Amino acid sequence: MRQEKPGVLLVNLGTPDAPTTPAVKRYLKQFLSDKRVVDTPRWLWWPILNGAILPIRSPRVAKLYASVWMDEGSPLLVYSKRQREALAARVDMPVELGMSYGSPSLKTALDSLMAQGVTRLIVLPLYPQFSCSTVAAVWDGITEVFAGYRSLPSVHFIRDYAEHPAYIAALKASVEKSFATHGQPDLLVASFHGIPQRFADQGDDYPQRCYATFEALKTALGLTDKNAMLTFQSRFGREPWLTPYTDETMKSLPGKGIKSVQVMSPGFSSDCLETLEEISGENCEIFLHAGGSSFNYIPALNADALHIDMMVELVNEHL
């Protein structure tokens, strides 16, 4: 009888290796070449990507990364490593971290797990809400790596955990901690990463998964539509994305009498460029410039103990 050995693969999006133009260009090229992210026909997309987007965006994005870079490296990678270490200390099995784009790669992580004799693989994409552009890309990446293997483990793929009680409990605790520190604001804003509206129209249930998280959290906190709202950030390109847009919302709120806000990003398991620079930096400036008086960003769950508790529960549920 084959001896079963479980192992865990944590997966996040990825990050440049350094806050430099060449490193950012390499990362963006890999990321924006994925058809799950940009599904424009290649004959049309390649000239735009290589001739305009990469040369123009890479230096600009490198400066943004430099503004949030930590002594240990990119925030997303730093916090993801801490999550891996914390989870590995709690479960009696190998735990590896892989990124869909950049380093450490999915292949590096899977090679390590297979070398340790793993026969039952639990894949935990660190995206609380499913989207074809994130979670499905993890599936594609793992399939591509396994195409070169002669023997495969059984695979248990965690699609998402948008409404998991332990996840909602961790979010609730983070909000309550912020309220205790800064006072309860006029409005709590939950800002999720956006996707093109077209993706949702074609069947991606990401918007529903975001609202499932938001409604569960709102109920847990005892909030209503008067003091909590959901928005979508980080749109790219010219086609319509999910609305309401976070930046436009921040610009309009002071004119509606909302002078204090606290903003969280429940779609991000780790703080990163989109939370630290876009939300805590750019959107804070937009809100205050429009007449707001108080803006506080509620950090991602990162390696918080309750977040790790949730990961342990998810892994144990799939053993």
C-alpha atoms as a PDB file:
ATOM      1  CA  MET A   1       0.000   0.000   0.000  1.00  0.00           C
ATOM      2  CA  ARG A   2       1.282   3.451  -0.915  1.00  0.00           C
ATOM      3  CA  GLN A   3       2.227   5.566   2.074  1.00  0.00           C
ATOM      4  CA  GLU A   4       0.317   8.844   1.901  1.00  0.00           C
ATOM      5  CA  LYS A   5       2.197  12.043   2.768  1.00  0.00           C
ATOM      6  CA  PRO A   6       0.353  15.376   2.677  1.00  0.00           C
ATOM      7  CA  GLY A   7       1.921  18.712   1.833  1.00  0.00           C
ATOM      8  CA  VAL A   8       0.718  22.275   1.348  1.00  0.00           C
ATOM      9  CA  LEU A   9       1.388  24.682  -1.497  1.00  0.00           C
ATOM     10  CA  LEU A  10       0.638  28.317  -0.671  1.00  0.00           C
ATOM     11  CA  VAL A  11       0.332  30.506  -3.761  1.00  0.00           C
ATOM     12  CA  ASN A  12       0.206  34.257  -4.193  1.00  0.00           C
ATOM     13  CA  LEU A  13       0.432  36.511  -7.234  1.00  0.00           C
ATOM     14  CA  GLY A  14       4.099  37.462  -7.138  1.00  0.00           C
ATOM     15  CA  THR A  15       6.325  40.511  -7.118  1.00  0.00           C
ATOM     16  CA  PRO A  16       9.408  41.945  -8.827  1.00  0.00           C
ATOM     17  CA  ASP A  17      12.765  40.813  -7.436  1.00  0.00           C
ATOM     18  CA  ALA A  18      13.810  44.418  -6.874  1.00  0.00           C
ATOM     19  CA  PRO A  19      12.294  47.932  -7.094  1.00  0.00           C
ATOM     20  CA  THR A  20      14.175  48.619 -10.324  1.00  0.00           C
ATOM     21  CA  THR A  21      13.001  49.215 -13.869  1.00  0.00           C
ATOM     22  CA  PRO A  22      14.565  46.021 -15.327  1.00  0.00           C
ATOM     23  CA  ALA A  23      13.145  43.829 -12.536  1.00  0.00           C
ATOM     24  CA  VAL A  24       9.703  45.394 -12.781  1.00  0.00           C
ATOM     25  CA  LYS A  25       9.743  45.052 -16.566  1.00  0.00           C
ATOM     26  CA  ARG A  26      10.524  41.315 -16.302  1.00  0.00           C
ATOM     27  CA  TYR A  27       7.753  40.835 -13.776  1.00  0.00           C
ATOM     28  CA  LEU A  28       5.129  42.849 -15.660  1.00  0.00           C
ATOM     29  CA  LYS A  29       5.932  41.055 -18.907  1.00  0.00           C
ATOM     30  CA  GLN A  30       5.294  37.659 -17.327  1.00  0.00           C
ATOM     31  CA  PHE A  31       2.171  38.875 -15.522  1.00  0.00           C
ATOM     32  CA  LEU A  32       0.613  40.722 -18.458  1.00  0.00           C
ATOM     33  CA  SER A  33       1.420  37.884 -20.865  1.00  0.00           C
ATOM     34  CA  ASP A  34      -0.970  35.539 -19.035  1.00  0.00           C
ATOM     35  CA  LYS A  35      -4.192  35.127 -21.009  1.00  0.00           C
ATOM     36  CA  ARG A  36      -6.054  34.795 -17.721  1.00  0.00           C
ATOM     37  CA  VAL A  37      -5.055  38.384 -16.935  1.00  0.00           C
ATOM     38  CA  VAL A  38      -5.244  39.970 -20.396  1.00  0.00           C
ATOM     39  CA  ASP A  39      -7.215  38.017 -22.990  1.00  0.00           C
ATOM     40  CA  THR A  40      -6.667  40.405 -25.904  1.00  0.00           C
ATOM     41  CA  PRO A  41      -5.603  38.465 -29.042  1.00  0.00           C
ATOM     42  CA  ARG A  42      -1.822  38.053 -28.999  1.00  0.00           C
ATOM     43  CA  TRP A  43      -1.307  39.594 -32.443  1.00  0.00           C
ATOM     44  CA  LEU A  44      -2.863  42.791 -31.111  1.00  0.00           C
ATOM     45  CA  TRP A  45      -1.582  42.659 -27.525  1.00  0.00           C
ATOM     46  CA  TRP A  46       2.137  41.932 -28.078  1.00  0.00           C
ATOM     47  CA  PRO A  47       2.942  45.192 -29.917  1.00  0.00           C
ATOM     48  CA  ILE A  48       1.012  47.192 -27.304  1.00  0.00           C
ATOM     49  CA  LEU A  49       2.638  45.381 -24.381  1.00  0.00           C
ATOM     50  CA  ASN A  50       6.210  45.450 -25.639  1.00  0.00           C
ATOM     51  CA  GLY A  51       6.096  48.718 -27.551  1.00  0.00           C
ATOM     52  CA  ALA A  52       4.166  50.921 -25.150  1.00  0.00           C
ATOM     53  CA  ILE A  53       3.084  49.480 -21.813  1.00  0.00           C
ATOM     54  CA  LEU A  54       6.351  47.931 -20.614  1.00  0.00           C
ATOM     55  CA  PRO A  55       8.633  50.836 -21.599  1.00  0.00           C
ATOM     56  CA  ILE A  56       6.269  53.441 -20.136  1.00  0.00           C
ATOM     57  CA  ARG A  57       4.904  51.691 -17.044  1.00  0.00           C
ATOM     58  CA  SER A  58       8.026  49.892 -15.806  1.00  0.00           C
ATOM     59  CA  PRO A  59       9.971  52.990 -14.627  1.00  0.00           C
ATOM     60  CA  ARG A  60       6.835  54.468 -13.069  1.00  0.00           C
ATOM     61  CA  VAL A  61       5.883  51.250 -11.262  1.00  0.00           C
ATOM     62  CA  ALA A  62       9.482  50.750 -10.090  1.00  0.00           C
ATOM     63  CA  LYS A  63       9.296  54.089  -8.259  1.00  0.00           C
ATOM     64  CA  LEU A  64       6.053  53.013  -6.605  1.00  0.00           C
ATOM     65  CA  TYR A  65       7.609  49.738  -5.456  1.00  0.00           C
ATOM     66  CA  ALA A  66      10.597  51.650  -4.085  1.00  0.00           C
ATOM     67  CA  SER A  67       8.215  53.705  -1.944  1.00  0.00           C
ATOM     68  CA  VAL A  68       6.882  50.599  -0.129  1.00  0.00           C
ATOM     69  CA  TRP A  69       9.938  48.299  -0.265  1.00  0.00           C
ATOM     70  CA  MET A  70      10.920  46.793   3.097  1.00  0.00           C
ATOM     71  CA  ASP A  71      14.405  45.966   4.397  1.00  0.00           C
ATOM     72  CA  GLU A  72      13.596  42.269   3.795  1.00  0.00           C
ATOM     73  CA  GLY A  73      12.238  42.854   0.302  1.00  0.00           C
ATOM     74  CA  SER A  74       8.874  43.323  -1.377  1.00  0.00           C
ATOM     75  CA  PRO A  75       6.031  43.505   1.186  1.00  0.00           C
ATOM     76  CA  LEU A  76       3.990  40.799  -0.532  1.00  0.00           C
ATOM     77  CA  LEU A  77       6.922  38.378  -0.509  1.00  0.00           C
ATOM     78  CA  VAL A  78       7.954  39.270   3.045  1.00  0.00           C
ATOM     79  CA  TYR A  79       4.464  38.683   4.454  1.00  0.00           C
ATOM     80  CA  SER A  80       3.892  35.566   2.325  1.00  0.00           C
ATOM     81  CA  LYS A  81       7.107  34.044   3.675  1.00  0.00           C
ATOM     82  CA  ARG A  82       5.996  34.816   7.213  1.00  0.00           C
ATOM     83  CA  GLN A  83       2.673  33.124   6.492  1.00  0.00           C
ATOM     84  CA  ARG A  84       4.447  30.033   5.194  1.00  0.00           C
ATOM     85  CA  GLU A  85       6.720  29.870   8.227  1.00  0.00           C
ATOM     86  CA  ALA A  86       3.826  30.331  10.649  1.00  0.00           C
ATOM     87  CA  LEU A  87       1.688  27.696   8.937  1.00  0.00           C
ATOM     88  CA  ALA A  88       4.587  25.223   8.732  1.00  0.00           C
ATOM     89  CA  ALA A  89       5.063  25.581  12.484  1.00  0.00           C
ATOM     90  CA  ARG A  90       1.426  24.582  13.051  1.00  0.00           C
ATOM     91  CA  VAL A  91       1.000  21.579  10.738  1.00  0.00           C
ATOM     92  CA  ASP A  92       2.926  18.333  10.617  1.00  0.00           C
ATOM     93  CA  MET A  93       3.697  18.361   6.899  1.00  0.00           C
ATOM     94  CA  PRO A  94       5.835  20.212   4.337  1.00  0.00           C
ATOM     95  CA  VAL A  95       4.630  23.712   3.407  1.00  0.00           C
ATOM     96  CA  GLU A  96       6.071  25.598   0.430  1.00  0.00           C
ATOM     97  CA  LEU A  97       5.377  28.992  -1.113  1.00  0.00           C
ATOM     98  CA  GLY A  98       5.110  29.581  -4.846  1.00  0.00           C
ATOM     99  CA  MET A  99       4.184  32.619  -6.932  1.00  0.00           C
ATOM    100  CA  SER A 100       2.206  32.653 -10.165  1.00  0.00           C
ATOM    101  CA  TYR A 101       4.691  35.229 -11.488  1.00  0.00           C
ATOM    102  CA  GLY A 102       8.238  35.891 -10.367  1.00  0.00           C
ATOM    103  CA  SER A 103      10.112  34.107  -7.570  1.00  0.00           C
ATOM    104  CA  PRO A 104       9.807  31.698  -5.894  1.00  0.00           C
ATOM    105  CA  SER A 105       8.135  30.058  -8.866  1.00  0.00           C
ATOM    106  CA  LEU A 106       5.423  27.429  -8.747  1.00  0.00           C
ATOM    107  CA  LYS A 107       7.875  24.945 -10.237  1.00  0.00           C
ATOM    108  CA  THR A 108      10.436  25.583  -7.495  1.00  0.00           C
ATOM    109  CA  ALA A 109       7.805  25.059  -4.802  1.00  0.00           C
ATOM    110  CA  LEU A 110       6.305  21.946  -6.405  1.00  0.00           C
ATOM    111  CA  ASP A 111       9.717  20.405  -7.086  1.00  0.00           C
ATOM    112  CA  SER A 112      10.549  20.849  -3.402  1.00  0.00           C
ATOM    113  CA  LEU A 113       7.288  19.268  -2.239  1.00  0.00           C
ATOM    114  CA  MET A 114       7.683  16.308  -4.582  1.00  0.00           C
ATOM    115  CA  ALA A 115      11.302  15.836  -3.481  1.00  0.00           C
ATOM    116  CA  GLN A 116       9.987  15.564   0.083  1.00  0.00           C
ATOM    117  CA  GLY A 117       7.756  12.676  -0.952  1.00  0.00           C
ATOM    118  CA  VAL A 118       4.409  14.475  -0.941  1.00  0.00           C
ATOM    119  CA  THR A 119       1.631  12.314  -2.392  1.00  0.00           C
ATOM    120  CA  ARG A 120      -1.391  14.354  -1.291  1.00  0.00           C
ATOM    121  CA  LEU A 121      -1.090  18.001  -2.308  1.00  0.00           C
ATOM    122  CA  ILE A 122      -3.290  20.679  -0.746  1.00  0.00           C
ATOM    123  CA  VAL A 123      -3.196  23.841  -2.842  1.00  0.00           C
ATOM    124  CA  LEU A 124      -4.173  27.022  -1.025  1.00  0.00           C
ATOM    125  CA  PRO A 125      -4.250  30.065  -3.322  1.00  0.00           C
ATOM    126  CA  LEU A 126      -4.052  33.096  -1.045  1.00  0.00           C
ATOM    127  CA  TYR A 127      -6.981  34.792  -2.775  1.00  0.00           C
ATOM    128  CA  PRO A 128     -10.022  34.844  -0.490  1.00  0.00           C
ATOM    129  CA  GLN A 129     -12.410  35.341  -3.426  1.00  0.00           C
ATOM    130  CA  PHE A 130     -12.217  33.259  -6.590  1.00  0.00           C
ATOM    131  CA  SER A 131     -11.518  34.963  -9.905  1.00  0.00           C
ATOM    132  CA  CYS A 132     -10.573  33.539 -13.263  1.00  0.00           C
ATOM    133  CA  SER A 133      -7.695  36.031 -13.379  1.00  0.00           C
ATOM    134  CA  THR A 134      -6.109  34.845 -10.115  1.00  0.00           C
ATOM    135  CA  VAL A 135      -7.219  31.453  -8.782  1.00  0.00           C
ATOM    136  CA  ALA A 136      -7.727  29.945 -12.237  1.00  0.00           C
ATOM    137  CA  ALA A 137      -4.247  31.169 -13.188  1.00  0.00           C
ATOM    138  CA  VAL A 138      -2.859  29.143 -10.260  1.00  0.00           C
ATOM    139  CA  TRP A 139      -4.626  26.057 -11.616  1.00  0.00           C
ATOM    140  CA  ASP A 140      -3.126  26.696 -15.054  1.00  0.00           C
ATOM    141  CA  GLY A 141       0.354  27.165 -13.609  1.00  0.00           C
ATOM    142  CA  ILE A 142       0.263  23.956 -11.590  1.00  0.00           C
ATOM    143  CA  THR A 143      -1.029  22.013 -14.587  1.00  0.00           C
ATOM    144  CA  GLU A 144       1.839  23.368 -16.686  1.00  0.00           C
ATOM    145  CA  VAL A 145       4.419  22.258 -14.117  1.00  0.00           C
ATOM    146  CA  PHE A 146       2.870  18.815 -13.705  1.00  0.00           C
ATOM    147  CA  ALA A 147       2.951  18.306 -17.479  1.00  0.00           C
ATOM    148  CA  GLY A 148       6.629  17.453 -17.028  1.00  0.00           C
ATOM    149  CA  TYR A 149       6.087  14.892 -14.246  1.00  0.00           C
ATOM    150  CA  ARG A 150       5.858  11.120 -14.689  1.00  0.00           C
ATOM    151  CA  SER A 151       3.980  10.652 -11.422  1.00  0.00           C
ATOM    152  CA  LEU A 152       1.448  13.006  -9.870  1.00  0.00           C
ATOM    153  CA  PRO A 153       0.103  13.466  -6.350  1.00  0.00           C
ATOM    154  CA  SER A 154      -3.588  13.629  -5.572  1.00  0.00           C
ATOM    155  CA  VAL A 155      -4.488  17.324  -5.642  1.00  0.00           C
ATOM    156  CA  HIS A 156      -6.946  19.056  -3.321  1.00  0.00           C
ATOM    157  CA  PHE A 157      -7.505  22.568  -4.644  1.00  0.00           C
ATOM    158  CA  ILE A 158      -9.074  25.149  -2.340  1.00  0.00           C
ATOM    159  CA  ARG A 159     -11.150  27.317  -4.695  1.00  0.00           C
ATOM    160  CA  ASP A 160     -11.617  30.181  -2.217  1.00  0.00           C
ATOM    161  CA  TYR A 161     -12.628  30.961   1.352  1.00  0.00           C
ATOM    162  CA  ALA A 162     -14.740  34.083   0.914  1.00  0.00           C
ATOM    163  CA  GLU A 163     -17.233  33.195   3.658  1.00  0.00           C
ATOM    164  CA  HIS A 164     -15.170  30.881   5.849  1.00  0.00           C
ATOM    165  CA  PRO A 165     -16.082  31.634   9.490  1.00  0.00           C
ATOM    166  CA  ALA A 166     -12.429  31.786  10.561  1.00  0.00           C
ATOM    167  CA  TYR A 167     -11.654  34.252   7.775  1.00  0.00           C
ATOM    168  CA  ILE A 168     -14.571  36.497   8.705  1.00  0.00           C
ATOM    169  CA  ALA A 169     -13.557  36.285  12.357  1.00  0.00           C
ATOM    170  CA  ALA A 170     -10.012  37.407  11.504  1.00  0.00           C
ATOM    171  CA  LEU A 171     -11.314  40.327   9.427  1.00  0.00           C
ATOM    172  CA  LYS A 172     -13.744  41.297  12.179  1.00  0.00           C
ATOM    173  CA  ALA A 173     -10.948  41.356  14.750  1.00  0.00           C
ATOM    174  CA  SER A 174      -8.793  43.551  12.516  1.00  0.00           C
ATOM    175  CA  VAL A 175     -11.597  46.075  12.069  1.00  0.00           C
ATOM    176  CA  GLU A 176     -12.405  46.131  15.776  1.00  0.00           C
ATOM    177  CA  LYS A 177      -8.738  46.731  16.567  1.00  0.00           C
ATOM    178  CA  SER A 178      -8.689  49.686  14.161  1.00  0.00           C
ATOM    179  CA  PHE A 179     -11.918  51.107  15.586  1.00  0.00           C
ATOM    180  CA  ALA A 180     -10.490  50.797  19.100  1.00  0.00           C
ATOM    181  CA  THR A 181      -7.356  52.666  18.028  1.00  0.00           C
ATOM    182  CA  HIS A 182      -8.813  55.390  15.807  1.00  0.00           C
ATOM    183  CA  GLY A 183     -12.459  55.488  16.829  1.00  0.00           C
ATOM    184  CA  GLN A 184     -15.363  54.341  14.658  1.00  0.00           C
ATOM    185  CA  PRO A 185     -15.401  56.297  11.382  1.00  0.00           C
ATOM    186  CA  ASP A 186     -18.334  57.696   9.480  1.00  0.00           C
ATOM    187  CA  LEU A 187     -17.787  54.913   6.950  1.00  0.00           C
ATOM    188  CA  LEU A 188     -15.924  51.611   6.681  1.00  0.00           C
ATOM    189  CA  VAL A 189     -14.897  50.950   3.081  1.00  0.00           C
ATOM    190  CA  ALA A 190     -14.014  47.441   1.888  1.00  0.00           C
ATOM    191  CA  SER A 191     -11.975  47.909  -1.284  1.00  0.00           C
ATOM    192  CA  PHE A 192     -11.506  44.799  -3.427  1.00  0.00           C
ATOM    193  CA  HIS A 193      -9.289  44.463  -6.491  1.00  0.00           C
ATOM    194  CA  GLY A 194     -11.361  44.955  -9.608  1.00  0.00           C
ATOM    195  CA  ILE A 195     -11.704  42.882 -12.765  1.00  0.00           C
ATOM    196  CA  PRO A 196     -13.137  43.860 -16.163  1.00  0.00           C
ATOM    197  CA  GLN A 197     -16.933  43.866 -16.063  1.00  0.00           C
ATOM    198  CA  ARG A 198     -16.763  41.678 -19.165  1.00  0.00           C
ATOM    199  CA  PHE A 199     -15.179  38.845 -17.149  1.00  0.00           C
ATOM    200  CA  ALA A 200     -18.146  38.882 -14.773  1.00  0.00           C
ATOM    201  CA  ASP A 201     -20.592  39.031 -17.681  1.00  0.00           C
ATOM    202  CA  GLN A 202     -18.918  35.912 -19.092  1.00  0.00           C
ATOM    203  CA  GLY A 203     -19.351  33.925 -15.882  1.00  0.00           C
ATOM    204  CA  ASP A 204     -16.618  34.840 -13.400  1.00  0.00           C
ATOM    205  CA  ASP A 205     -18.418  34.865 -10.037  1.00  0.00           C
ATOM    206  CA  TYR A 206     -15.783  37.087  -8.408  1.00  0.00           C
ATOM    207  CA  PRO A 207     -18.195  39.979  -7.710  1.00  0.00           C
ATOM    208  CA  GLN A 208     -20.579  37.637  -5.883  1.00  0.00           C
ATOM    209  CA  ARG A 209     -17.703  36.240  -3.827  1.00  0.00           C
ATOM    210  CA  CYS A 210     -16.614  39.765  -2.843  1.00  0.00           C
ATOM    211  CA  TYR A 211     -20.135  40.667  -1.792  1.00  0.00           C
ATOM    212  CA  ALA A 212     -20.368  37.400   0.169  1.00  0.00           C
ATOM    213  CA  THR A 213     -17.305  38.420   2.181  1.00  0.00           C
ATOM    214  CA  PHE A 214     -18.567  41.961   2.628  1.00  0.00           C
ATOM    215  CA  GLU A 215     -22.050  40.960   3.766  1.00  0.00           C
ATOM    216  CA  ALA A 216     -20.704  38.361   6.216  1.00  0.00           C
ATOM    217  CA  LEU A 217     -18.273  40.890   7.672  1.00  0.00           C
ATOM    218  CA  LYS A 218     -20.887  43.624   7.855  1.00  0.00           C
ATOM    219  CA  THR A 219     -23.207  41.283   9.751  1.00  0.00           C
ATOM    220  CA  ALA A 220     -20.434  40.179  12.109  1.00  0.00           C
ATOM    221  CA  LEU A 221     -19.624  43.803  12.924  1.00  0.00           C
ATOM    222  CA  GLY A 222     -23.247  44.877  13.251  1.00  0.00           C
ATOM    223  CA  LEU A 223     -22.850  47.495  10.533  1.00  0.00           C
ATOM    224  CA  THR A 224     -25.359  48.621   7.894  1.00  0.00           C
ATOM    225  CA  ASP A 225     -25.258  50.125   4.411  1.00  0.00           C
ATOM    226  CA  LYS A 226     -25.160  53.541   6.100  1.00  0.00           C
ATOM    227  CA  ASN A 227     -21.747  52.972   7.669  1.00  0.00           C
ATOM    228  CA  ALA A 228     -20.129  50.342   5.422  1.00  0.00           C
ATOM    229  CA  MET A 229     -19.698  50.060   1.674  1.00  0.00           C
ATOM    230  CA  LEU A 230     -17.889  47.977  -0.933  1.00  0.00           C
ATOM    231  CA  THR A 231     -15.732  49.376  -3.762  1.00  0.00           C
ATOM    232  CA  PHE A 232     -13.320  48.067  -6.406  1.00  0.00           C
ATOM    233  CA  GLN A 233      -9.795  49.347  -7.035  1.00  0.00           C
ATOM    234  CA  SER A 234      -6.844  48.989  -9.432  1.00  0.00           C
ATOM    235  CA  ARG A 235      -8.618  49.194 -12.783  1.00  0.00           C
ATOM    236  CA  PHE A 236      -6.390  48.998 -15.845  1.00  0.00           C
ATOM    237  CA  GLY A 237      -7.075  49.904 -19.461  1.00  0.00           C
ATOM    238  CA  ARG A 238     -10.083  51.611 -20.983  1.00  0.00           C
ATOM    239  CA  GLU A 239     -12.879  49.046 -20.802  1.00  0.00           C
ATOM    240  CA  PRO A 240     -15.391  49.167 -17.905  1.00  0.00           C
ATOM    241  CA  TRP A 241     -14.384  47.394 -14.698  1.00  0.00           C
ATOM    242  CA  LEU A 242     -16.447  46.487 -11.662  1.00  0.00           C
ATOM    243  CA  THR A 243     -17.955  49.515  -9.927  1.00  0.00           C
ATOM    244  CA  PRO A 244     -18.084  51.545  -7.773  1.00  0.00           C
ATOM    245  CA  TYR A 245     -14.459  52.562  -8.264  1.00  0.00           C
ATOM    246  CA  THR A 246     -12.530  53.163  -5.042  1.00  0.00           C
ATOM    247  CA  ASP A 247     -10.744  56.329  -6.178  1.00  0.00           C
ATOM    248  CA  GLU A 248     -13.906  57.986  -7.498  1.00  0.00           C
ATOM    249  CA  THR A 249     -15.716  57.031  -4.306  1.00  0.00           C
ATOM    250  CA  MET A 250     -13.003  58.620  -2.158  1.00  0.00           C
ATOM    251  CA  LYS A 251     -13.284  61.813  -4.183  1.00  0.00           C
ATOM    252  CA  SER A 252     -17.053  62.004  -3.751  1.00  0.00           C
ATOM    253  CA  LEU A 253     -17.500  61.028  -0.093  1.00  0.00           C
ATOM    254  CA  PRO A 254     -16.569  64.338   1.614  1.00  0.00           C
ATOM    255  CA  GLY A 255     -19.181  66.143  -0.471  1.00  0.00           C
ATOM    256  CA  LYS A 256     -21.769  63.754   0.967  1.00  0.00           C
ATOM    257  CA  GLY A 257     -20.813  64.578   4.535  1.00  0.00           C
ATOM    258  CA  ILE A 258     -18.503  61.612   5.078  1.00  0.00           C
ATOM    259  CA  LYS A 259     -15.472  63.150   6.770  1.00  0.00           C
ATOM    260  CA  SER A 260     -13.803  60.104   8.355  1.00  0.00           C
ATOM    261  CA  VAL A 261     -13.194  56.748   6.708  1.00  0.00           C
ATOM    262  CA  GLN A 262     -11.306  53.581   7.448  1.00  0.00           C
ATOM    263  CA  VAL A 263     -10.435  51.457   4.444  1.00  0.00           C
ATOM    264  CA  MET A 264      -9.562  47.757   4.310  1.00  0.00           C
ATOM    265  CA  SER A 265      -8.768  45.455   1.386  1.00  0.00           C
ATOM    266  CA  PRO A 266     -10.295  42.040   2.214  1.00  0.00           C
ATOM    267  CA  GLY A 267      -9.303  40.614  -1.165  1.00  0.00           C
ATOM    268  CA  PHE A 268      -5.600  40.808  -0.320  1.00  0.00           C
ATOM    269  CA  SER A 269      -4.144  38.238   2.068  1.00  0.00           C
ATOM    270  CA  SER A 270      -0.886  40.211   2.262  1.00  0.00           C
ATOM    271  CA  ASP A 271      -0.111  43.888   2.095  1.00  0.00           C
ATOM    272  CA  CYS A 272       1.426  44.846  -1.227  1.00  0.00           C
ATOM    273  CA  LEU A 273       1.734  47.702  -3.709  1.00  0.00           C
ATOM    274  CA  GLU A 274      -2.036  47.847  -4.220  1.00  0.00           C
ATOM    275  CA  THR A 275      -2.744  48.288  -0.507  1.00  0.00           C
ATOM    276  CA  LEU A 276       0.261  50.225   0.772  1.00  0.00           C
ATOM    277  CA  GLU A 277       0.734  52.653  -2.100  1.00  0.00           C
ATOM    278  CA  GLU A 278      -2.622  52.729  -3.871  1.00  0.00           C
ATOM    279  CA  ILE A 279      -4.949  52.665  -0.852  1.00  0.00           C
ATOM    280  CA  SER A 280      -2.911  53.966   2.083  1.00  0.00           C
ATOM    281  CA  GLY A 281      -1.117  56.493  -0.109  1.00  0.00           C
ATOM    282  CA  GLU A 282      -2.934  57.553  -3.257  1.00  0.00           C
ATOM    283  CA  ASN A 283      -6.537  57.121  -2.103  1.00  0.00           C
ATOM    284  CA  CYS A 284      -5.776  58.718   1.238  1.00  0.00           C
ATOM    285  CA  GLU A 285      -4.555  61.816  -0.625  1.00  0.00           C
ATOM    286  CA  ILE A 286      -7.642  61.815  -2.847  1.00  0.00           C
ATOM    287  CA  PHE A 287      -9.986  61.688   0.152  1.00  0.00           C
ATOM    288  CA  LEU A 288      -8.205  64.371   2.182  1.00  0.00           C
ATOM    289  CA  HIS A 289      -7.798  66.661  -0.834  1.00  0.00           C
ATOM    290  CA  ALA A 290     -11.544  66.375  -1.489  1.00  0.00           C
ATOM    291  CA  GLY A 291     -12.291  67.637   2.016  1.00  0.00           C
ATOM    292  CA  GLY A 292     -12.098  64.543   4.210  1.00  0.00           C
ATOM    293  CA  SER A 293     -10.603  64.949   7.674  1.00  0.00           C
ATOM    294  CA  SER A 294      -9.533  61.442   8.721  1.00  0.00           C
ATOM    295  CA  PHE A 295      -8.380  58.462   6.663  1.00  0.00           C
ATOM    296  CA  ASN A 296      -6.992  55.259   8.180  1.00  0.00           C
ATOM    297  CA  TYR A 297      -5.946  52.123   6.334  1.00  0.00           C
ATOM    298  CA  ILE A 298      -6.638  48.808   8.078  1.00  0.00           C
ATOM    299  CA  PRO A 299      -3.711  46.484   7.243  1.00  0.00           C
ATOM    300  CA  ALA A 300      -4.179  43.153   5.487  1.00  0.00           C
ATOM    301  CA  LEU A 301      -4.253  40.081   7.717  1.00  0.00           C
ATOM    302  CA  ASN A 302      -0.674  39.180   6.755  1.00  0.00           C
ATOM    303  CA  ALA A 303       0.732  36.729   9.351  1.00  0.00           C
ATOM    304  CA  ASP A 304      -1.769  37.668  12.063  1.00  0.00           C
ATOM    305  CA  ALA A 305      -2.432  34.745  14.417  1.00  0.00           C
ATOM    306  CA  LEU A 306      -6.130  34.517  13.505  1.00  0.00           C
ATOM    307  CA  HIS A 307      -5.212  34.451   9.812  1.00  0.00           C
ATOM    308  CA  ILE A 308      -2.865  31.528  10.404  1.00  0.00           C
ATOM    309  CA  ASP A 309      -5.584  29.821  12.464  1.00  0.00           C
ATOM    310  CA  MET A 310      -7.817  30.050   9.401  1.00  0.00           C
ATOM    311  CA  MET A 311      -5.146  28.504   7.163  1.00  0.00           C
ATOM    312  CA  VAL A 312      -4.724  25.641   9.618  1.00  0.00           C
ATOM    313  CA  GLU A 313      -8.487  25.035   9.537  1.00  0.00           C
ATOM    314  CA  LEU A 314      -8.557  25.064   5.734  1.00  0.00           C
ATOM    315  CA  VAL A 315      -5.698  22.577   5.516  1.00  0.00           C
ATOM    316  CA  ASN A 316      -7.206  20.269   8.138  1.00  0.00           C
ATOM    317  CA  GLU A 317     -10.548  20.313   6.330  1.00  0.00           C
ATOM    318  CA  HIS A 318      -8.824  18.855   3.260  1.00  0.00           C
ATOM    319  CA  LEU A 319      -6.819  16.122   4.951  1.00  0.00           C
END
